[in-house]
Amino acid sequence: QVQLVESGGGLVQPGGSLRLSCVVSGRLFSWKSMGWYRQAPGKQRELVASISSSGIPNYGDSVKGRFTISRDNAKNTVYLQMNSLRPADTAVYYCNSAPERLYNWGQGTQVTVSS
Protein backbone atom coordinates (compact mmCIF):
# COMPACT_ATOMS: atom_id res chain seq x y z
CA GLN A 1 0.00 0.00 0.00
CA VAL A 2 1.33 3.40 -0.96
CA GLN A 3 2.09 5.79 1.89
CA LEU A 4 2.62 9.53 1.57
CA VAL A 5 4.74 11.41 4.12
CA GLU A 6 4.87 15.19 3.83
CA SER A 7 7.31 17.45 5.65
CA GLY A 8 8.90 20.88 5.56
CA GLY A 9 6.08 23.14 6.66
CA GLY A 10 6.31 25.80 9.31
CA LEU A 11 5.69 29.42 10.26
CA VAL A 12 7.14 32.00 7.88
CA GLN A 13 6.74 35.74 7.40
CA PRO A 14 5.13 37.14 4.25
CA GLY A 15 7.66 37.15 1.44
CA GLY A 16 9.52 34.19 2.90
CA SER A 17 10.24 30.76 1.48
CA LEU A 18 9.72 27.12 2.39
CA ARG A 19 10.52 23.84 0.70
CA LEU A 20 8.12 20.96 1.16
CA SER A 21 8.99 17.31 0.60
CA CYS A 22 6.81 14.28 0.07
CA VAL A 23 8.23 10.78 0.24
CA VAL A 24 6.13 8.21 -1.56
CA SER A 25 6.45 4.52 -0.79
CA GLY A 26 5.89 2.09 -3.61
CA ARG A 27 7.69 0.98 -6.73
CA LEU A 28 5.47 2.72 -9.28
CA PHE A 29 6.25 6.30 -8.20
CA SER A 30 8.22 7.16 -11.32
CA TRP A 31 5.23 6.26 -13.52
CA LYS A 32 2.76 8.53 -11.76
CA SER A 33 1.99 12.19 -12.18
CA MET A 34 2.10 13.76 -8.73
CA GLY A 35 0.63 16.88 -7.26
CA TRP A 36 0.69 19.16 -4.27
CA TYR A 37 -2.68 20.06 -2.80
CA ARG A 38 -3.63 22.43 -0.02
CA GLN A 39 -6.60 22.93 2.25
CA ALA A 40 -7.19 26.15 4.11
CA PRO A 41 -9.62 26.32 7.04
CA GLY A 42 -13.20 26.27 5.81
CA LYS A 43 -12.19 25.67 2.21
CA GLN A 44 -12.04 22.68 -0.09
CA ARG A 45 -8.79 20.97 -0.85
CA GLU A 46 -7.32 22.30 -4.08
CA LEU A 47 -4.56 21.23 -6.44
CA VAL A 48 -1.87 23.90 -6.59
CA ALA A 49 0.83 22.21 -8.68
CA SER A 50 1.43 18.96 -10.48
CA ILE A 51 4.28 17.28 -12.29
CA SER A 52 4.10 14.57 -14.89
CA SER A 53 6.10 11.35 -14.80
CA SER A 54 8.50 12.98 -17.30
CA GLY A 55 8.92 16.11 -15.20
CA ILE A 56 6.60 18.57 -16.92
CA PRO A 57 5.11 20.94 -14.32
CA ASN A 58 1.75 22.63 -14.21
CA TYR A 59 0.62 25.33 -11.76
CA GLY A 60 -2.54 26.90 -10.51
CA ASP A 61 -2.94 30.59 -11.25
CA SER A 62 -2.61 31.56 -7.60
CA VAL A 63 0.93 30.12 -7.29
CA LYS A 64 2.29 30.52 -10.80
CA GLY A 65 5.65 32.30 -10.76
CA ARG A 66 6.11 31.75 -7.01
CA PHE A 67 6.05 27.97 -6.51
CA THR A 68 8.18 25.33 -8.22
CA ILE A 69 7.36 21.64 -8.20
CA SER A 70 10.03 19.03 -8.85
CA ARG A 71 10.62 15.33 -8.35
CA ASP A 72 13.47 12.93 -7.73
CA ASN A 73 12.41 9.51 -8.95
CA ALA A 74 15.49 7.86 -7.45
CA LYS A 75 14.36 9.04 -4.02
CA ASN A 76 10.62 8.58 -4.58
CA THR A 77 10.22 12.20 -3.54
CA VAL A 78 8.32 15.18 -4.85
CA TYR A 79 9.18 18.72 -3.75
CA LEU A 80 7.45 22.07 -3.65
CA GLN A 81 9.64 25.16 -3.43
CA MET A 82 7.49 28.04 -2.26
CA ASN A 83 8.78 31.59 -2.60
CA SER A 84 7.19 35.00 -2.02
CA LEU A 85 4.74 33.44 0.39
CA ARG A 86 1.53 35.28 1.22
CA PRO A 87 -0.92 34.95 4.10
CA ALA A 88 -3.38 33.46 1.58
CA ASP A 89 -0.98 30.51 1.17
CA THR A 90 -1.67 29.44 4.75
CA ALA A 91 -3.02 25.89 4.63
CA VAL A 92 -2.22 22.26 5.25
CA TYR A 93 -0.30 20.95 2.24
CA TYR A 94 -0.64 17.40 0.98
CA CYS A 95 0.74 15.40 -1.90
CA ASN A 96 -1.04 12.75 -3.93
CA SER A 97 -1.20 11.55 -7.48
CA ALA A 98 -2.70 14.02 -9.91
CA PRO A 99 -5.15 14.70 -11.27
CA GLU A 100 -6.70 11.48 -9.97
CA ARG A 101 -6.07 11.13 -6.25
CA LEU A 102 -5.28 7.46 -6.12
CA TYR A 103 -3.75 7.14 -2.67
CA ASN A 104 -4.86 7.55 0.92
CA TRP A 105 -3.97 11.01 2.14
CA GLY A 106 -0.98 11.50 4.40
CA GLN A 107 -0.98 13.69 7.47
CA GLY A 108 -0.02 16.79 5.52
CA THR A 109 2.28 19.58 6.61
CA GLN A 110 1.07 22.91 7.99
CA VAL A 111 2.23 26.11 6.33
CA THR A 112 1.45 29.34 8.15
CA VAL A 113 2.34 32.70 6.62
CA SER A 114 2.04 35.46 9.15
CA SER A 115 3.92 38.43 10.51
C-alpha atoms as a PDB file:
ATOM      1  CA  GLN A   1       0.000   0.000   0.000  1.00  0.00           C
ATOM      2  CA  VAL A   2       1.335   3.404  -0.963  1.00  0.00           C
ATOM      3  CA  GLN A   3       2.092   5.785   1.891  1.00  0.00           C
ATOM      4  CA  LEU A   4       2.621   9.531   1.571  1.00  0.00           C
ATOM      5  CA  VAL A   5       4.738  11.413   4.119  1.00  0.00           C
ATOM      6  CA  GLU A   6       4.866  15.193   3.827  1.00  0.00           C
ATOM      7  CA  SER A   7       7.308  17.446   5.653  1.00  0.00           C
ATOM      8  CA  GLY A   8       8.902  20.880   5.563  1.00  0.00           C
ATOM      9  CA  GLY A   9       6.077  23.140   6.657  1.00  0.00           C
ATOM     10  CA  GLY A  10       6.306  25.803   9.313  1.00  0.00           C
ATOM     11  CA  LEU A  11       5.691  29.417  10.255  1.00  0.00           C
ATOM     12  CA  VAL A  12       7.140  32.004   7.882  1.00  0.00           C
ATOM     13  CA  GLN A  13       6.741  35.735   7.396  1.00  0.00           C
ATOM     14  CA  PRO A  14       5.134  37.142   4.251  1.00  0.00           C
ATOM     15  CA  GLY A  15       7.661  37.148   1.442  1.00  0.00           C
ATOM     16  CA  GLY A  16       9.517  34.188   2.902  1.00  0.00           C
ATOM     17  CA  SER A  17      10.236  30.759   1.481  1.00  0.00           C
ATOM     18  CA  LEU A  18       9.721  27.123   2.388  1.00  0.00           C
ATOM     19  CA  ARG A  19      10.522  23.837   0.702  1.00  0.00           C
ATOM     20  CA  LEU A  20       8.118  20.964   1.157  1.00  0.00           C
ATOM     21  CA  SER A  21       8.990  17.314   0.603  1.00  0.00           C
ATOM     22  CA  CYS A  22       6.805  14.277   0.073  1.00  0.00           C
ATOM     23  CA  VAL A  23       8.230  10.775   0.236  1.00  0.00           C
ATOM     24  CA  VAL A  24       6.127   8.207  -1.559  1.00  0.00           C
ATOM     25  CA  SER A  25       6.453   4.516  -0.793  1.00  0.00           C
ATOM     26  CA  GLY A  26       5.887   2.091  -3.614  1.00  0.00           C
ATOM     27  CA  ARG A  27       7.688   0.982  -6.733  1.00  0.00           C
ATOM     28  CA  LEU A  28       5.474   2.723  -9.277  1.00  0.00           C
ATOM     29  CA  PHE A  29       6.247   6.301  -8.196  1.00  0.00           C
ATOM     30  CA  SER A  30       8.223   7.157 -11.319  1.00  0.00           C
ATOM     31  CA  TRP A  31       5.235   6.256 -13.515  1.00  0.00           C
ATOM     32  CA  LYS A  32       2.764   8.534 -11.763  1.00  0.00           C
ATOM     33  CA  SER A  33       1.985  12.193 -12.185  1.00  0.00           C
ATOM     34  CA  MET A  34       2.097  13.761  -8.732  1.00  0.00           C
ATOM     35  CA  GLY A  35       0.633  16.885  -7.257  1.00  0.00           C
ATOM     36  CA  TRP A  36       0.685  19.161  -4.271  1.00  0.00           C
ATOM     37  CA  TYR A  37      -2.676  20.060  -2.804  1.00  0.00           C
ATOM     38  CA  ARG A  38      -3.627  22.429  -0.020  1.00  0.00           C
ATOM     39  CA  GLN A  39      -6.602  22.933   2.245  1.00  0.00           C
ATOM     40  CA  ALA A  40      -7.193  26.151   4.109  1.00  0.00           C
ATOM     41  CA  PRO A  41      -9.624  26.319   7.040  1.00  0.00           C
ATOM     42  CA  GLY A  42     -13.196  26.273   5.815  1.00  0.00           C
ATOM     43  CA  LYS A  43     -12.188  25.666   2.210  1.00  0.00           C
ATOM     44  CA  GLN A  44     -12.040  22.681  -0.095  1.00  0.00           C
ATOM     45  CA  ARG A  45      -8.785  20.966  -0.854  1.00  0.00           C
ATOM     46  CA  GLU A  46      -7.315  22.300  -4.076  1.00  0.00           C
ATOM     47  CA  LEU A  47      -4.561  21.228  -6.439  1.00  0.00           C
ATOM     48  CA  VAL A  48      -1.866  23.904  -6.588  1.00  0.00           C
ATOM     49  CA  ALA A  49       0.827  22.213  -8.678  1.00  0.00           C
ATOM     50  CA  SER A  50       1.434  18.958 -10.482  1.00  0.00           C
ATOM     51  CA  ILE A  51       4.282  17.281 -12.289  1.00  0.00           C
ATOM     52  CA  SER A  52       4.101  14.569 -14.894  1.00  0.00           C
ATOM     53  CA  SER A  53       6.097  11.353 -14.805  1.00  0.00           C
ATOM     54  CA  SER A  54       8.498  12.976 -17.298  1.00  0.00           C
ATOM     55  CA  GLY A  55       8.915  16.114 -15.203  1.00  0.00           C
ATOM     56  CA  ILE A  56       6.601  18.567 -16.919  1.00  0.00           C
ATOM     57  CA  PRO A  57       5.113  20.942 -14.323  1.00  0.00           C
ATOM     58  CA  ASN A  58       1.749  22.632 -14.206  1.00  0.00           C
ATOM     59  CA  TYR A  59       0.619  25.330 -11.761  1.00  0.00           C
ATOM     60  CA  GLY A  60      -2.544  26.900 -10.507  1.00  0.00           C
ATOM     61  CA  ASP A  61      -2.941  30.588 -11.254  1.00  0.00           C
ATOM     62  CA  SER A  62      -2.607  31.564  -7.599  1.00  0.00           C
ATOM     63  CA  VAL A  63       0.928  30.123  -7.293  1.00  0.00           C
ATOM     64  CA  LYS A  64       2.291  30.522 -10.803  1.00  0.00           C
ATOM     65  CA  GLY A  65       5.645  32.298 -10.760  1.00  0.00           C
ATOM     66  CA  ARG A  66       6.110  31.748  -7.014  1.00  0.00           C
ATOM     67  CA  PHE A  67       6.048  27.965  -6.508  1.00  0.00           C
ATOM     68  CA  THR A  68       8.181  25.327  -8.217  1.00  0.00           C
ATOM     69  CA  ILE A  69       7.359  21.635  -8.198  1.00  0.00           C
ATOM     70  CA  SER A  70      10.034  19.031  -8.850  1.00  0.00           C
ATOM     71  CA  ARG A  71      10.617  15.332  -8.354  1.00  0.00           C
ATOM     72  CA  ASP A  72      13.472  12.928  -7.728  1.00  0.00           C
ATOM     73  CA  ASN A  73      12.411   9.507  -8.948  1.00  0.00           C
ATOM     74  CA  ALA A  74      15.490   7.860  -7.453  1.00  0.00           C
ATOM     75  CA  LYS A  75      14.358   9.040  -4.021  1.00  0.00           C
ATOM     76  CA  ASN A  76      10.615   8.579  -4.582  1.00  0.00           C
ATOM     77  CA  THR A  77      10.221  12.201  -3.540  1.00  0.00           C
ATOM     78  CA  VAL A  78       8.321  15.180  -4.852  1.00  0.00           C
ATOM     79  CA  TYR A  79       9.178  18.721  -3.745  1.00  0.00           C
ATOM     80  CA  LEU A  80       7.449  22.068  -3.653  1.00  0.00           C
ATOM     81  CA  GLN A  81       9.643  25.156  -3.434  1.00  0.00           C
ATOM     82  CA  MET A  82       7.492  28.044  -2.261  1.00  0.00           C
ATOM     83  CA  ASN A  83       8.784  31.594  -2.604  1.00  0.00           C
ATOM     84  CA  SER A  84       7.188  35.002  -2.023  1.00  0.00           C
ATOM     85  CA  LEU A  85       4.735  33.436   0.388  1.00  0.00           C
ATOM     86  CA  ARG A  86       1.527  35.276   1.218  1.00  0.00           C
ATOM     87  CA  PRO A  87      -0.924  34.954   4.100  1.00  0.00           C
ATOM     88  CA  ALA A  88      -3.384  33.462   1.581  1.00  0.00           C
ATOM     89  CA  ASP A  89      -0.982  30.510   1.172  1.00  0.00           C
ATOM     90  CA  THR A  90      -1.672  29.442   4.752  1.00  0.00           C
ATOM     91  CA  ALA A  91      -3.016  25.890   4.628  1.00  0.00           C
ATOM     92  CA  VAL A  92      -2.220  22.258   5.247  1.00  0.00           C
ATOM     93  CA  TYR A  93      -0.300  20.954   2.244  1.00  0.00           C
ATOM     94  CA  TYR A  94      -0.641  17.400   0.976  1.00  0.00           C
ATOM     95  CA  CYS A  95       0.735  15.401  -1.897  1.00  0.00           C
ATOM     96  CA  ASN A  96      -1.035  12.750  -3.930  1.00  0.00           C
ATOM     97  CA  SER A  97      -1.201  11.550  -7.480  1.00  0.00           C
ATOM     98  CA  ALA A  98      -2.704  14.016  -9.911  1.00  0.00           C
ATOM     99  CA  PRO A  99      -5.154  14.697 -11.268  1.00  0.00           C
ATOM    100  CA  GLU A 100      -6.705  11.484  -9.968  1.00  0.00           C
ATOM    101  CA  ARG A 101      -6.070  11.133  -6.250  1.00  0.00           C
ATOM    102  CA  LEU A 102      -5.281   7.457  -6.116  1.00  0.00           C
ATOM    103  CA  TYR A 103      -3.752   7.136  -2.667  1.00  0.00           C
ATOM    104  CA  ASN A 104      -4.865   7.552   0.916  1.00  0.00           C
ATOM    105  CA  TRP A 105      -3.968  11.014   2.139  1.00  0.00           C
ATOM    106  CA  GLY A 106      -0.980  11.502   4.399  1.00  0.00           C
ATOM    107  CA  GLN A 107      -0.984  13.687   7.473  1.00  0.00           C
ATOM    108  CA  GLY A 108      -0.021  16.791   5.518  1.00  0.00           C
ATOM    109  CA  THR A 109       2.280  19.582   6.609  1.00  0.00           C
ATOM    110  CA  GLN A 110       1.068  22.906   7.995  1.00  0.00           C
ATOM    111  CA  VAL A 111       2.233  26.108   6.332  1.00  0.00           C
ATOM    112  CA  THR A 112       1.449  29.340   8.146  1.00  0.00           C
ATOM    113  CA  VAL A 113       2.339  32.696   6.615  1.00  0.00           C
ATOM    114  CA  SER A 114       2.037  35.461   9.153  1.00  0.00           C
ATOM    115  CA  SER A 115       3.924  38.429  10.505  1.00  0.00           C
END
